[in-house]
Amino acid sequence: MKDINSYINDLRRPKLLVHAARHSLAGYDRPTHLARYMPIDPVPGPGVALMKLFDLEREMNDTRLAKTGTYIPSRHIDILVAIMSESQLLRASSQPRLVFG
């Protein structure tokens, strides 16, 4: 079983999708974005959110690769933005904090 960091590090997608997602990071609004994909109140922590987002992204990527005509690039980018942002939150929350006093 993979841990979250392995999923993050192993995720490989076309450059155009990744660049579009990076460009959209500044507009990420956690409650709004996550409510689209997981109507859970309150919004789950970054670890739980990431696992759900990875499942959704995998389904979206499978649809992209199948070339069935049902693929929605903007939705895929939106999910990638959420994954990138939640990954940043997870990393920030797990870093040791220095306390001066």
PDB file of N, CA and C in Angstrom:
ATOM      1  N   MET A   1       0.842  -1.181   0.000  1.00  0.00           N
ATOM      2  CA  MET A   1       0.000   0.000   0.000  1.00  0.00           C
ATOM      3  C   MET A   1       0.886   1.243   0.000  1.00  0.00           C
ATOM      4  N   LYS A   2       0.563   2.183  -0.878  1.00  0.00           N
ATOM      5  CA  LYS A   2       1.342   3.409  -0.989  1.00  0.00           C
ATOM      6  C   LYS A   2       0.889   4.438   0.047  1.00  0.00           C
ATOM      7  N   ASP A   3       1.830   5.267   0.470  1.00  0.00           N
ATOM      8  CA  ASP A   3       1.450   6.384   1.312  1.00  0.00           C
ATOM      9  C   ASP A   3       1.187   7.607   0.428  1.00  0.00           C
ATOM     10  N   ILE A   4       0.674   8.654   1.024  1.00  0.00           N
ATOM     11  CA  ILE A   4       0.271   9.840   0.264  1.00  0.00           C
ATOM     12  C   ILE A   4       1.448  10.448  -0.474  1.00  0.00           C
ATOM     13  N   ASN A   5       2.598  10.525   0.165  1.00  0.00           N
ATOM     14  CA  ASN A   5       3.763  11.121  -0.492  1.00  0.00           C
ATOM     15  C   ASN A   5       4.187  10.330  -1.724  1.00  0.00           C
ATOM     16  N   SER A   6       4.024   9.019  -1.699  1.00  0.00           N
ATOM     17  CA  SER A   6       4.339   8.199  -2.875  1.00  0.00           C
ATOM     18  C   SER A   6       3.396   8.524  -4.025  1.00  0.00           C
ATOM     19  N   TYR A   7       2.119   8.684  -3.721  1.00  0.00           N
ATOM     20  CA  TYR A   7       1.157   9.065  -4.760  1.00  0.00           C
ATOM     21  C   TYR A   7       1.533  10.411  -5.376  1.00  0.00           C
ATOM     22  N   ILE A   8       1.884  11.350  -4.518  1.00  0.00           N
ATOM     23  CA  ILE A   8       2.250  12.682  -4.999  1.00  0.00           C
ATOM     24  C   ILE A   8       3.485  12.608  -5.885  1.00  0.00           C
ATOM     25  N   ASN A   9       4.500  11.905  -5.425  1.00  0.00           N
ATOM     26  CA  ASN A   9       5.757  11.823  -6.171  1.00  0.00           C
ATOM     27  C   ASN A   9       5.633  11.029  -7.463  1.00  0.00           C
ATOM     28  N   ASP A  10       4.725  10.063  -7.500  1.00  0.00           N
ATOM     29  CA  ASP A  10       4.571   9.201  -8.681  1.00  0.00           C
ATOM     30  C   ASP A  10       3.613   9.754  -9.733  1.00  0.00           C
ATOM     31  N   LEU A  11       2.903  10.814  -9.405  1.00  0.00           N
ATOM     32  CA  LEU A  11       1.909  11.360 -10.328  1.00  0.00           C
ATOM     33  C   LEU A  11       2.602  12.006 -11.532  1.00  0.00           C
ATOM     34  N   ARG A  12       2.333  11.481 -12.718  1.00  0.00           N
ATOM     35  CA  ARG A  12       2.904  11.992 -13.972  1.00  0.00           C
ATOM     36  C   ARG A  12       1.775  12.266 -14.947  1.00  0.00           C
ATOM     37  N   ARG A  13       1.676  13.511 -15.392  1.00  0.00           N
ATOM     38  CA  ARG A  13       0.642  13.895 -16.338  1.00  0.00           C
ATOM     39  C   ARG A  13       1.258  14.781 -17.417  1.00  0.00           C
ATOM     40  N   PRO A  14       0.539  14.960 -18.544  1.00  0.00           N
ATOM     41  CA  PRO A  14       1.074  15.802 -19.618  1.00  0.00           C
ATOM     42  C   PRO A  14       1.422  17.217 -19.131  1.00  0.00           C
ATOM     43  N   LYS A  15       2.495  17.756 -19.704  1.00  0.00           N
ATOM     44  CA  LYS A  15       2.984  19.068 -19.274  1.00  0.00           C
ATOM     45  C   LYS A  15       1.927  20.154 -19.371  1.00  0.00           C
ATOM     46  N   LEU A  16       1.119  20.118 -20.414  1.00  0.00           N
ATOM     47  CA  LEU A  16       0.100  21.139 -20.585  1.00  0.00           C
ATOM     48  C   LEU A  16      -0.893  21.141 -19.420  1.00  0.00           C
ATOM     49  N   LEU A  17      -1.304  19.968 -18.967  1.00  0.00           N
ATOM     50  CA  LEU A  17      -2.217  19.881 -17.820  1.00  0.00           C
ATOM     51  C   LEU A  17      -1.559  20.418 -16.548  1.00  0.00           C
ATOM     52  N   VAL A  18      -0.312  20.036 -16.349  1.00  0.00           N
ATOM     53  CA  VAL A  18       0.407  20.457 -15.143  1.00  0.00           C
ATOM     54  C   VAL A  18       0.623  21.973 -15.144  1.00  0.00           C
ATOM     55  N   HIS A  19       1.009  22.532 -16.292  1.00  0.00           N
ATOM     56  CA  HIS A  19       1.215  23.983 -16.375  1.00  0.00           C
ATOM     57  C   HIS A  19      -0.089  24.744 -16.141  1.00  0.00           C
ATOM     58  N   ALA A  20      -1.173  24.259 -16.716  1.00  0.00           N
ATOM     59  CA  ALA A  20      -2.469  24.907 -16.516  1.00  0.00           C
ATOM     60  C   ALA A  20      -2.867  24.853 -15.040  1.00  0.00           C
ATOM     61  N   ALA A  21      -2.629  23.727 -14.396  1.00  0.00           N
ATOM     62  CA  ALA A  21      -2.963  23.595 -12.974  1.00  0.00           C
ATOM     63  C   ALA A  21      -2.097  24.529 -12.129  1.00  0.00           C
ATOM     64  N   ARG A  22      -0.811  24.588 -12.415  1.00  0.00           N
ATOM     65  CA  ARG A  22       0.073  25.488 -11.653  1.00  0.00           C
ATOM     66  C   ARG A  22      -0.351  26.942 -11.807  1.00  0.00           C
ATOM     67  N   HIS A  23      -0.766  27.289 -13.016  1.00  0.00           N
ATOM     68  CA  HIS A  23      -1.204  28.655 -13.285  1.00  0.00           C
ATOM     69  C   HIS A  23      -2.458  28.998 -12.482  1.00  0.00           C
ATOM     70  N   SER A  24      -3.249  28.019 -12.156  1.00  0.00           N
ATOM     71  CA  SER A  24      -4.520  28.227 -11.460  1.00  0.00           C
ATOM     72  C   SER A  24      -4.417  28.100  -9.943  1.00  0.00           C
ATOM     73  N   LEU A  25      -3.248  27.798  -9.423  1.00  0.00           N
ATOM     74  CA  LEU A  25      -3.103  27.573  -7.977  1.00  0.00           C
ATOM     75  C   LEU A  25      -3.512  28.777  -7.142  1.00  0.00           C
ATOM     76  N   ALA A  26      -3.228  29.971  -7.624  1.00  0.00           N
ATOM     77  CA  ALA A  26      -3.529  31.179  -6.837  1.00  0.00           C
ATOM     78  C   ALA A  26      -5.027  31.331  -6.593  1.00  0.00           C
ATOM     79  N   GLY A  27      -5.848  30.777  -7.462  1.00  0.00           N
ATOM     80  CA  GLY A  27      -7.289  30.907  -7.318  1.00  0.00           C
ATOM     81  C   GLY A  27      -7.931  29.794  -6.507  1.00  0.00           C
ATOM     82  N   TYR A  28      -7.126  28.943  -5.887  1.00  0.00           N
ATOM     83  CA  TYR A  28      -7.673  27.810  -5.134  1.00  0.00           C
ATOM     84  C   TYR A  28      -8.377  28.297  -3.877  1.00  0.00           C
ATOM     85  N   ASP A  29      -9.631  27.922  -3.739  1.00  0.00           N
ATOM     86  CA  ASP A  29     -10.412  28.210  -2.544  1.00  0.00           C
ATOM     87  C   ASP A  29     -10.853  26.861  -1.980  1.00  0.00           C
ATOM     88  N   ARG A  30     -10.236  26.468  -0.915  1.00  0.00           N
ATOM     89  CA  ARG A  30     -10.383  25.116  -0.390  1.00  0.00           C
ATOM     90  C   ARG A  30     -11.837  24.679  -0.198  1.00  0.00           C
ATOM     91  N   PRO A  31     -12.652  25.426   0.545  1.00  0.00           N
ATOM     92  CA  PRO A  31     -14.032  24.964   0.741  1.00  0.00           C
ATOM     93  C   PRO A  31     -14.815  24.846  -0.566  1.00  0.00           C
ATOM     94  N   THR A  32     -14.641  25.792  -1.461  1.00  0.00           N
ATOM     95  CA  THR A  32     -15.370  25.764  -2.728  1.00  0.00           C
ATOM     96  C   THR A  32     -14.918  24.614  -3.605  1.00  0.00           C
ATOM     97  N   HIS A  33     -13.607  24.465  -3.770  1.00  0.00           N
ATOM     98  CA  HIS A  33     -13.082  23.400  -4.629  1.00  0.00           C
ATOM     99  C   HIS A  33     -13.443  22.018  -4.089  1.00  0.00           C
ATOM    100  N   LEU A  34     -13.218  21.800  -2.820  1.00  0.00           N
ATOM    101  CA  LEU A  34     -13.462  20.468  -2.267  1.00  0.00           C
ATOM    102  C   LEU A  34     -14.943  20.125  -2.230  1.00  0.00           C
ATOM    103  N   ALA A  35     -15.812  21.127  -2.076  1.00  0.00           N
ATOM    104  CA  ALA A  35     -17.254  20.865  -2.063  1.00  0.00           C
ATOM    105  C   ALA A  35     -17.731  20.303  -3.402  1.00  0.00           C
ATOM    106  N   ARG A  36     -17.024  20.612  -4.479  1.00  0.00           N
ATOM    107  CA  ARG A  36     -17.385  20.075  -5.793  1.00  0.00           C
ATOM    108  C   ARG A  36     -17.194  18.565  -5.857  1.00  0.00           C
ATOM    109  N   TYR A  37     -16.243  18.072  -5.115  1.00  0.00           N
ATOM    110  CA  TYR A  37     -15.848  16.669  -5.231  1.00  0.00           C
ATOM    111  C   TYR A  37     -16.179  15.823  -4.015  1.00  0.00           C
ATOM    112  N   MET A  38     -16.397  16.454  -2.885  1.00  0.00           N
ATOM    113  CA  MET A  38     -16.722  15.708  -1.669  1.00  0.00           C
ATOM    114  C   MET A  38     -17.612  16.561  -0.776  1.00  0.00           C
ATOM    115  N   PRO A  39     -18.909  16.409  -0.946  1.00  0.00           N
ATOM    116  CA  PRO A  39     -19.836  17.218  -0.143  1.00  0.00           C
ATOM    117  C   PRO A  39     -19.882  16.756   1.305  1.00  0.00           C
ATOM    118  N   ILE A  40     -18.794  16.994   2.009  1.00  0.00           N
ATOM    119  CA  ILE A  40     -18.680  16.591   3.407  1.00  0.00           C
ATOM    120  C   ILE A  40     -18.523  17.865   4.231  1.00  0.00           C
ATOM    121  N   ASP A  41     -19.313  17.980   5.277  1.00  0.00           N
ATOM    122  CA  ASP A  41     -19.201  19.143   6.141  1.00  0.00           C
ATOM    123  C   ASP A  41     -18.865  18.665   7.540  1.00  0.00           C
ATOM    124  N   PRO A  42     -17.798  19.067   8.140  1.00  0.00           N
ATOM    125  CA  PRO A  42     -16.820  20.025   7.646  1.00  0.00           C
ATOM    126  C   PRO A  42     -15.879  19.400   6.610  1.00  0.00           C
ATOM    127  N   VAL A  43     -15.158  20.254   5.924  1.00  0.00           N
ATOM    128  CA  VAL A  43     -14.207  19.814   4.909  1.00  0.00           C
ATOM    129  C   VAL A  43     -13.149  18.943   5.587  1.00  0.00           C
ATOM    130  N   PRO A  44     -12.827  17.778   5.014  1.00  0.00           N
ATOM    131  CA  PRO A  44     -11.836  16.897   5.640  1.00  0.00           C
ATOM    132  C   PRO A  44     -10.434  17.499   5.606  1.00  0.00           C
ATOM    133  N   GLY A  45      -9.549  16.932   6.400  1.00  0.00           N
ATOM    134  CA  GLY A  45      -8.164  17.369   6.402  1.00  0.00           C
ATOM    135  C   GLY A  45      -7.496  17.053   5.074  1.00  0.00           C
ATOM    136  N   PRO A  46      -6.306  17.609   4.842  1.00  0.00           N
ATOM    137  CA  PRO A  46      -5.639  17.418   3.559  1.00  0.00           C
ATOM    138  C   PRO A  46      -5.342  15.959   3.216  1.00  0.00           C
ATOM    139  N   GLY A  47      -5.028  15.136   4.185  1.00  0.00           N
ATOM    140  CA  GLY A  47      -4.731  13.731   3.908  1.00  0.00           C
ATOM    141  C   GLY A  47      -5.932  12.977   3.371  1.00  0.00           C
ATOM    142  N   VAL A  48      -7.071  13.134   4.030  1.00  0.00           N
ATOM    143  CA  VAL A  48      -8.309  12.479   3.594  1.00  0.00           C
ATOM    144  C   VAL A  48      -8.746  13.037   2.244  1.00  0.00           C
ATOM    145  N   ALA A  49      -8.672  14.354   2.099  1.00  0.00           N
ATOM    146  CA  ALA A  49      -9.051  14.993   0.840  1.00  0.00           C
ATOM    147  C   ALA A  49      -8.180  14.483  -0.302  1.00  0.00           C
ATOM    148  N   LEU A  50      -6.888  14.364  -0.066  1.00  0.00           N
ATOM    149  CA  LEU A  50      -5.980  13.899  -1.115  1.00  0.00           C
ATOM    150  C   LEU A  50      -6.308  12.491  -1.582  1.00  0.00           C
ATOM    151  N   MET A  51      -6.632  11.597  -0.675  1.00  0.00           N
ATOM    152  CA  MET A  51      -6.941  10.232  -1.085  1.00  0.00           C
ATOM    153  C   MET A  51      -8.166  10.202  -1.998  1.00  0.00           C
ATOM    154  N   LYS A  52      -9.190  10.983  -1.668  1.00  0.00           N
ATOM    155  CA  LYS A  52     -10.388  11.068  -2.514  1.00  0.00           C
ATOM    156  C   LYS A  52     -10.039  11.719  -3.850  1.00  0.00           C
ATOM    157  N   LEU A  53      -9.245  12.772  -3.819  1.00  0.00           N
ATOM    158  CA  LEU A  53      -8.851  13.468  -5.049  1.00  0.00           C
ATOM    159  C   LEU A  53      -8.015  12.571  -5.957  1.00  0.00           C
ATOM    160  N   PHE A  54      -7.149  11.752  -5.377  1.00  0.00           N
ATOM    161  CA  PHE A  54      -6.351  10.820  -6.187  1.00  0.00           C
ATOM    162  C   PHE A  54      -7.251   9.833  -6.923  1.00  0.00           C
ATOM    163  N   ASP A  55      -8.278   9.346  -6.243  1.00  0.00           N
ATOM    164  CA  ASP A  55      -9.224   8.432  -6.899  1.00  0.00           C
ATOM    165  C   ASP A  55      -9.939   9.128  -8.055  1.00  0.00           C
ATOM    166  N   LEU A  56     -10.407  10.346  -7.806  1.00  0.00           N
ATOM    167  CA  LEU A  56     -11.099  11.103  -8.853  1.00  0.00           C
ATOM    168  C   LEU A  56     -10.171  11.406 -10.035  1.00  0.00           C
ATOM    169  N   GLU A  57      -8.943  11.766  -9.723  1.00  0.00           N
ATOM    170  CA  GLU A  57      -7.985  12.103 -10.779  1.00  0.00           C
ATOM    171  C   GLU A  57      -7.645  10.874 -11.609  1.00  0.00           C
ATOM    172  N   ARG A  58      -7.512   9.730 -10.961  1.00  0.00           N
ATOM    173  CA  ARG A  58      -7.213   8.492 -11.677  1.00  0.00           C
ATOM    174  C   ARG A  58      -8.345   8.158 -12.653  1.00  0.00           C
ATOM    175  N   GLU A  59      -9.587   8.314 -12.201  1.00  0.00           N
ATOM    176  CA  GLU A  59     -10.741   8.097 -13.080  1.00  0.00           C
ATOM    177  C   GLU A  59     -10.726   9.076 -14.250  1.00  0.00           C
ATOM    178  N   MET A  60     -10.426  10.338 -13.959  1.00  0.00           N
ATOM    179  CA  MET A  60     -10.374  11.360 -14.999  1.00  0.00           C
ATOM    180  C   MET A  60      -9.271  11.042 -16.007  1.00  0.00           C
ATOM    181  N   ASN A  61      -8.127  10.614 -15.529  1.00  0.00           N
ATOM    182  CA  ASN A  61      -7.026  10.288 -16.430  1.00  0.00           C
ATOM    183  C   ASN A  61      -7.354   9.056 -17.277  1.00  0.00           C
ATOM    184  N   ASP A  62      -8.014   8.083 -16.683  1.00  0.00           N
ATOM    185  CA  ASP A  62      -8.435   6.906 -17.458  1.00  0.00           C
ATOM    186  C   ASP A  62      -9.384   7.314 -18.584  1.00  0.00           C
ATOM    187  N   THR A  63     -10.285   8.245 -18.290  1.00  0.00           N
ATOM    188  CA  THR A  63     -11.211   8.750 -19.311  1.00  0.00           C
ATOM    189  C   THR A  63     -10.439   9.468 -20.413  1.00  0.00           C
ATOM    190  N   ARG A  64      -9.436  10.245 -20.025  1.00  0.00           N
ATOM    191  CA  ARG A  64      -8.599  10.950 -21.003  1.00  0.00           C
ATOM    192  C   ARG A  64      -7.910   9.963 -21.931  1.00  0.00           C
ATOM    193  N   LEU A  65      -7.340   8.930 -21.362  1.00  0.00           N
ATOM    194  CA  LEU A  65      -6.594   7.948 -22.147  1.00  0.00           C
ATOM    195  C   LEU A  65      -7.508   7.086 -23.020  1.00  0.00           C
ATOM    196  N   ALA A  66      -8.757   6.894 -22.596  1.00  0.00           N
ATOM    197  CA  ALA A  66      -9.697   6.081 -23.360  1.00  0.00           C
ATOM    198  C   ALA A  66     -10.178   6.783 -24.628  1.00  0.00           C
ATOM    199  N   LYS A  67     -10.065   8.097 -24.661  1.00  0.00           N
ATOM    200  CA  LYS A  67     -10.455   8.895 -25.835  1.00  0.00           C
ATOM    201  C   LYS A  67     -11.884   8.591 -26.287  1.00  0.00           C
ATOM    202  N   THR A  68     -12.797   8.611 -25.321  1.00  0.00           N
ATOM    203  CA  THR A  68     -14.197   8.301 -25.619  1.00  0.00           C
ATOM    204  C   THR A  68     -15.030   9.532 -25.940  1.00  0.00           C
ATOM    205  N   GLY A  69     -14.483  10.703 -25.780  1.00  0.00           N
ATOM    206  CA  GLY A  69     -15.228  11.926 -26.024  1.00  0.00           C
ATOM    207  C   GLY A  69     -15.932  12.468 -24.797  1.00  0.00           C
ATOM    208  N   THR A  70     -15.784  11.809 -23.673  1.00  0.00           N
ATOM    209  CA  THR A  70     -16.431  12.271 -22.440  1.00  0.00           C
ATOM    210  C   THR A  70     -15.458  12.984 -21.502  1.00  0.00           C
ATOM    211  N   TYR A  71     -14.234  13.133 -21.925  1.00  0.00           N
ATOM    212  CA  TYR A  71     -13.194  13.764 -21.110  1.00  0.00           C
ATOM    213  C   TYR A  71     -13.411  15.268 -21.047  1.00  0.00           C
ATOM    214  N   ILE A  72     -13.304  15.840 -19.846  1.00  0.00           N
ATOM    215  CA  ILE A  72     -13.467  17.278 -19.648  1.00  0.00           C
ATOM    216  C   ILE A  72     -12.154  17.831 -19.077  1.00  0.00           C
ATOM    217  N   PRO A  73     -11.311  18.432 -19.936  1.00  0.00           N
ATOM    218  CA  PRO A  73     -10.004  18.915 -19.479  1.00  0.00           C
ATOM    219  C   PRO A  73     -10.086  19.908 -18.325  1.00  0.00           C
ATOM    220  N   SER A  74     -11.050  20.812 -18.332  1.00  0.00           N
ATOM    221  CA  SER A  74     -11.137  21.811 -17.265  1.00  0.00           C
ATOM    222  C   SER A  74     -11.395  21.151 -15.904  1.00  0.00           C
ATOM    223  N   ARG A  75     -12.172  20.108 -15.898  1.00  0.00           N
ATOM    224  CA  ARG A  75     -12.423  19.377 -14.644  1.00  0.00           C
ATOM    225  C   ARG A  75     -11.147  18.668 -14.180  1.00  0.00           C
ATOM    226  N   HIS A  76     -10.412  18.094 -15.119  1.00  0.00           N
ATOM    227  CA  HIS A  76      -9.157  17.423 -14.786  1.00  0.00           C
ATOM    228  C   HIS A  76      -8.177  18.431 -14.184  1.00  0.00           C
ATOM    229  N   ILE A  77      -8.080  19.598 -14.798  1.00  0.00           N
ATOM    230  CA  ILE A  77      -7.186  20.647 -14.284  1.00  0.00           C
ATOM    231  C   ILE A  77      -7.631  21.070 -12.895  1.00  0.00           C
ATOM    232  N   ASP A  78      -8.922  21.220 -12.688  1.00  0.00           N
ATOM    233  CA  ASP A  78      -9.452  21.615 -11.386  1.00  0.00           C
ATOM    234  C   ASP A  78      -9.077  20.600 -10.308  1.00  0.00           C
ATOM    235  N   ILE A  79      -9.155  19.331 -10.638  1.00  0.00           N
ATOM    236  CA  ILE A  79      -8.773  18.287  -9.685  1.00  0.00           C
ATOM    237  C   ILE A  79      -7.264  18.332  -9.421  1.00  0.00           C
ATOM    238  N   LEU A  80      -6.465  18.567 -10.460  1.00  0.00           N
ATOM    239  CA  LEU A  80      -5.018  18.679 -10.270  1.00  0.00           C
ATOM    240  C   LEU A  80      -4.665  19.883  -9.397  1.00  0.00           C
ATOM    241  N   VAL A  81      -5.373  20.987  -9.568  1.00  0.00           N
ATOM    242  CA  VAL A  81      -5.163  22.166  -8.714  1.00  0.00           C
ATOM    243  C   VAL A  81      -5.428  21.792  -7.258  1.00  0.00           C
ATOM    244  N   ALA A  82      -6.526  21.096  -7.021  1.00  0.00           N
ATOM    245  CA  ALA A  82      -6.859  20.687  -5.654  1.00  0.00           C
ATOM    246  C   ALA A  82      -5.785  19.757  -5.086  1.00  0.00           C
ATOM    247  N   ILE A  83      -5.293  18.824  -5.899  1.00  0.00           N
ATOM    248  CA  ILE A  83      -4.241  17.912  -5.432  1.00  0.00           C
ATOM    249  C   ILE A  83      -2.977  18.695  -5.085  1.00  0.00           C
ATOM    250  N   MET A  84      -2.578  19.603  -5.950  1.00  0.00           N
ATOM    251  CA  MET A  84      -1.369  20.397  -5.685  1.00  0.00           C
ATOM    252  C   MET A  84      -1.517  21.232  -4.417  1.00  0.00           C
ATOM    253  N   SER A  85      -2.669  21.868  -4.260  1.00  0.00           N
ATOM    254  CA  SER A  85      -2.894  22.723  -3.098  1.00  0.00           C
ATOM    255  C   SER A  85      -2.985  21.917  -1.802  1.00  0.00           C
ATOM    256  N   GLU A  86      -3.702  20.809  -1.854  1.00  0.00           N
ATOM    257  CA  GLU A  86      -3.821  19.965  -0.662  1.00  0.00           C
ATOM    258  C   GLU A  86      -2.469  19.358  -0.288  1.00  0.00           C
ATOM    259  N   SER A  87      -1.652  19.051  -1.286  1.00  0.00           N
ATOM    260  CA  SER A  87      -0.304  18.538  -1.022  1.00  0.00           C
ATOM    261  C   SER A  87       0.535  19.575  -0.296  1.00  0.00           C
ATOM    262  N   GLN A  88       0.417  20.824  -0.719  1.00  0.00           N
ATOM    263  CA  GLN A  88       1.138  21.904  -0.048  1.00  0.00           C
ATOM    264  C   GLN A  88       0.673  22.047   1.394  1.00  0.00           C
ATOM    265  N   LEU A  89      -0.635  21.973   1.605  1.00  0.00           N
ATOM    266  CA  LEU A  89      -1.174  22.055   2.969  1.00  0.00           C
ATOM    267  C   LEU A  89      -0.679  20.905   3.836  1.00  0.00           C
ATOM    268  N   LEU A  90      -0.660  19.709   3.262  1.00  0.00           N
ATOM    269  CA  LEU A  90      -0.210  18.541   4.011  1.00  0.00           C
ATOM    270  C   LEU A  90       1.264  18.679   4.393  1.00  0.00           C
ATOM    271  N   ARG A  91       2.074  19.101   3.435  1.00  0.00           N
ATOM    272  CA  ARG A  91       3.508  19.290   3.730  1.00  0.00           C
ATOM    273  C   ARG A  91       3.719  20.360   4.791  1.00  0.00           C
ATOM    274  N   ALA A  92       2.980  21.463   4.682  1.00  0.00           N
ATOM    275  CA  ALA A  92       3.122  22.549   5.648  1.00  0.00           C
ATOM    276  C   ALA A  92       2.695  22.110   7.047  1.00  0.00           C
ATOM    277  N   SER A  93       1.661  21.266   7.127  1.00  0.00           N
ATOM    278  CA  SER A  93       1.172  20.832   8.439  1.00  0.00           C
ATOM    279  C   SER A  93       2.057  19.771   9.069  1.00  0.00           C
ATOM    280  N   SER A  94       2.877  19.106   8.263  1.00  0.00           N
ATOM    281  CA  SER A  94       3.724  18.036   8.830  1.00  0.00           C
ATOM    282  C   SER A  94       5.157  18.480   9.059  1.00  0.00           C
ATOM    283  N   GLN A  95       5.479  19.718   8.716  1.00  0.00           N
ATOM    284  CA  GLN A  95       6.835  20.206   8.957  1.00  0.00           C
ATOM    285  C   GLN A  95       6.982  20.588  10.416  1.00  0.00           C
ATOM    286  N   PRO A  96       8.127  20.294  10.991  1.00  0.00           N
ATOM    287  CA  PRO A  96       8.337  20.683  12.375  1.00  0.00           C
ATOM    288  C   PRO A  96       8.380  22.200  12.494  1.00  0.00           C
ATOM    289  N   ARG A  97       7.813  22.685  13.559  1.00  0.00           N
ATOM    290  CA  ARG A  97       7.778  24.131  13.790  1.00  0.00           C
ATOM    291  C   ARG A  97       8.763  24.485  14.892  1.00  0.00           C
ATOM    292  N   LEU A  98       9.519  25.541  14.656  1.00  0.00           N
ATOM    293  CA  LEU A  98      10.445  26.023  15.673  1.00  0.00           C
ATOM    294  C   LEU A  98       9.706  26.933  16.639  1.00  0.00           C
ATOM    295  N   VAL A  99       9.950  26.725  17.914  1.00  0.00           N
ATOM    296  CA  VAL A  99       9.309  27.554  18.923  1.00  0.00           C
ATOM    297  C   VAL A  99      10.403  28.306  19.656  1.00  0.00           C
ATOM    298  N   PHE A 100      10.263  29.609  19.659  1.00  0.00           N
ATOM    299  CA  PHE A 100      11.233  30.432  20.366  1.00  0.00           C
ATOM    300  C   PHE A 100      10.562  30.994  21.603  1.00  0.00           C
ATOM    301  N   GLY A 101      11.255  31.020  22.675  1.00  0.00           N
ATOM    302  CA  GLY A 101      10.563  31.540  23.832  1.00  0.00           C
ATOM    303  C   GLY A 101      11.464  31.793  24.921  1.00  0.00           C
TER     304      GLY A 101
END
